[in-house]
Amino acid sequence: MPGARGLAQVAPERYAGQLQVSFGPLVAADFDLAVTLADVVEPERYTLLVDARGRLGWTRGRVAVRLEAAGAATVMRFAADFETGGAVAVMGQRLLDAVARRLTRQGLAALGGEVEKRLGGG
């Protein structure tokens, strides 16, 4: 997960750690992060429940992920829905959307790299 620091498994489907997020060139914030896997149907789908809280505010939401076979490849489709509050929410929806898109791209790229590594492709 992009910006995650010390993310550790604390229960069979629960992870906790710290998250640092940059909101442009001048503002960065640290958050306590909790991620829970839910609705897991291997190897088809799962949901990530995310909760992050810090001095600049909070965010919580869910990311529904669906995996589909496509020949020798796998297609990942996802839909995310998040709420944000506190000072971070005052920064503006456009900025938050840009940060969310960047973190999503980085997270999925890291996940793809880890899958490739574990499957012996990298």
Protein backbone atom coordinates (compact mmCIF):
# COMPACT_ATOMS: atom_id res chain seq x y z
CA MET A 1 0.00 0.00 0.00
CA PRO A 2 1.59 3.31 -1.04
CA GLY A 3 2.77 5.39 1.90
CA ALA A 4 2.26 2.53 4.35
CA ARG A 5 4.86 2.17 7.06
CA GLY A 6 5.12 -0.88 9.23
CA LEU A 7 1.93 -2.49 7.95
CA ALA A 8 1.62 -5.73 9.92
CA GLN A 9 -0.91 -8.51 10.12
CA VAL A 10 -2.64 -8.32 13.52
CA ALA A 11 -5.36 -10.95 12.91
CA PRO A 12 -6.08 -13.46 10.12
CA GLU A 13 -7.69 -10.84 7.85
CA ARG A 14 -6.70 -7.59 9.56
CA TYR A 15 -3.65 -5.34 9.15
CA ALA A 16 -2.55 -2.23 11.07
CA GLY A 17 0.17 0.34 10.58
CA GLN A 18 0.99 3.91 9.70
CA LEU A 19 0.24 5.73 6.45
CA GLN A 20 1.89 8.92 5.21
CA VAL A 21 0.05 10.79 2.46
CA SER A 22 1.23 13.88 0.56
CA PHE A 23 -1.44 16.37 -0.42
CA GLY A 24 0.64 18.39 -2.85
CA PRO A 25 4.17 19.72 -2.42
CA LEU A 26 3.67 21.37 0.98
CA VAL A 27 1.32 19.20 3.02
CA ALA A 28 1.92 15.65 4.24
CA ALA A 29 0.05 13.87 6.99
CA ASP A 30 0.52 10.71 9.04
CA PHE A 31 -2.43 8.44 9.76
CA ASP A 32 -3.01 5.34 11.88
CA LEU A 33 -4.17 2.75 9.35
CA ALA A 34 -6.38 -0.33 9.70
CA VAL A 35 -7.20 -2.58 6.72
CA THR A 36 -9.56 -5.53 6.91
CA LEU A 37 -10.20 -8.15 4.23
CA ALA A 38 -13.91 -8.98 3.95
CA ASP A 39 -16.22 -10.89 1.61
CA VAL A 40 -13.31 -13.04 0.45
CA VAL A 41 -14.25 -15.56 -2.24
CA GLU A 42 -10.98 -17.03 -3.52
CA PRO A 43 -9.95 -16.61 -6.26
CA GLU A 44 -12.81 -14.40 -7.50
CA ARG A 45 -13.26 -11.39 -5.23
CA TYR A 46 -12.58 -9.61 -1.95
CA THR A 47 -13.28 -6.30 -0.26
CA LEU A 48 -10.78 -4.07 1.53
CA LEU A 49 -12.24 -2.09 4.44
CA VAL A 50 -9.95 0.85 5.16
CA ASP A 51 -9.93 3.15 8.19
CA ALA A 52 -7.28 5.85 8.65
CA ARG A 53 -7.15 8.53 11.36
CA GLY A 54 -4.64 11.31 12.02
CA ARG A 55 -4.25 14.87 13.24
CA LEU A 56 -5.53 16.28 9.93
CA GLY A 57 -8.67 14.16 9.88
CA TRP A 58 -9.89 10.73 8.91
CA THR A 59 -10.93 8.61 5.97
CA ARG A 60 -12.79 5.34 5.81
CA GLY A 61 -14.19 3.31 2.99
CA ARG A 62 -14.19 0.15 0.99
CA VAL A 63 -12.60 -1.16 -2.17
CA ALA A 64 -14.39 -4.03 -3.89
CA VAL A 65 -11.99 -6.07 -6.04
CA ARG A 66 -13.01 -8.66 -8.62
CA LEU A 67 -10.54 -10.94 -10.41
CA GLU A 68 -11.42 -12.43 -13.80
CA ALA A 69 -9.54 -14.96 -15.90
CA ALA A 70 -8.55 -13.66 -19.34
CA GLY A 71 -6.65 -16.45 -21.06
CA ALA A 72 -3.26 -16.77 -19.39
CA ALA A 73 -3.74 -13.41 -17.63
CA THR A 74 -5.95 -12.13 -14.82
CA VAL A 75 -7.98 -8.92 -15.07
CA MET A 76 -8.49 -6.96 -11.86
CA ARG A 77 -11.55 -4.70 -11.63
CA PHE A 78 -12.23 -2.53 -8.61
CA ALA A 79 -14.65 0.06 -7.28
CA ALA A 80 -13.85 2.29 -4.32
CA ASP A 81 -16.03 4.45 -2.09
CA PHE A 82 -14.54 6.60 0.68
CA GLU A 83 -15.63 9.28 3.15
CA THR A 84 -13.24 11.89 4.52
CA GLY A 85 -13.59 14.32 7.42
CA GLY A 86 -11.60 16.87 9.36
CA ALA A 87 -9.08 19.36 8.02
CA VAL A 88 -8.12 17.04 5.17
CA ALA A 89 -11.69 17.25 3.81
CA VAL A 90 -11.47 21.04 3.64
CA MET A 91 -8.62 20.80 1.10
CA GLY A 92 -11.08 20.28 -1.69
CA GLN A 93 -12.60 17.41 -3.58
CA ARG A 94 -10.45 17.83 -6.68
CA LEU A 95 -7.21 17.53 -4.69
CA LEU A 96 -8.51 14.54 -2.73
CA ASP A 97 -9.63 12.81 -5.94
CA ALA A 98 -6.16 13.29 -7.44
CA VAL A 99 -4.48 11.87 -4.32
CA ALA A 100 -6.89 8.91 -4.28
CA ARG A 101 -6.24 8.12 -7.96
CA ARG A 102 -2.46 8.31 -7.42
CA LEU A 103 -2.56 6.03 -4.36
CA THR A 104 -4.82 3.55 -6.18
CA ARG A 105 -2.49 3.37 -9.20
CA GLN A 106 0.57 2.96 -6.98
CA GLY A 107 -1.11 0.34 -4.82
CA LEU A 108 -2.29 -1.75 -7.73
CA ALA A 109 1.11 -1.53 -9.42
CA ALA A 110 2.77 -2.73 -6.20
CA LEU A 111 0.23 -5.55 -5.90
CA GLY A 112 0.88 -6.60 -9.50
CA GLY A 113 4.63 -6.60 -8.86
CA GLU A 114 4.21 -8.73 -5.74
CA VAL A 115 2.00 -11.22 -7.59
CA GLU A 116 4.54 -11.47 -10.42
CA LYS A 117 7.34 -12.01 -7.91
CA ARG A 118 5.43 -14.72 -6.07
CA LEU A 119 4.53 -16.47 -9.31
CA GLY A 120 8.18 -16.47 -10.36
CA GLY A 121 7.83 -13.90 -13.12
CA GLY A 122 10.04 -11.23 -11.55
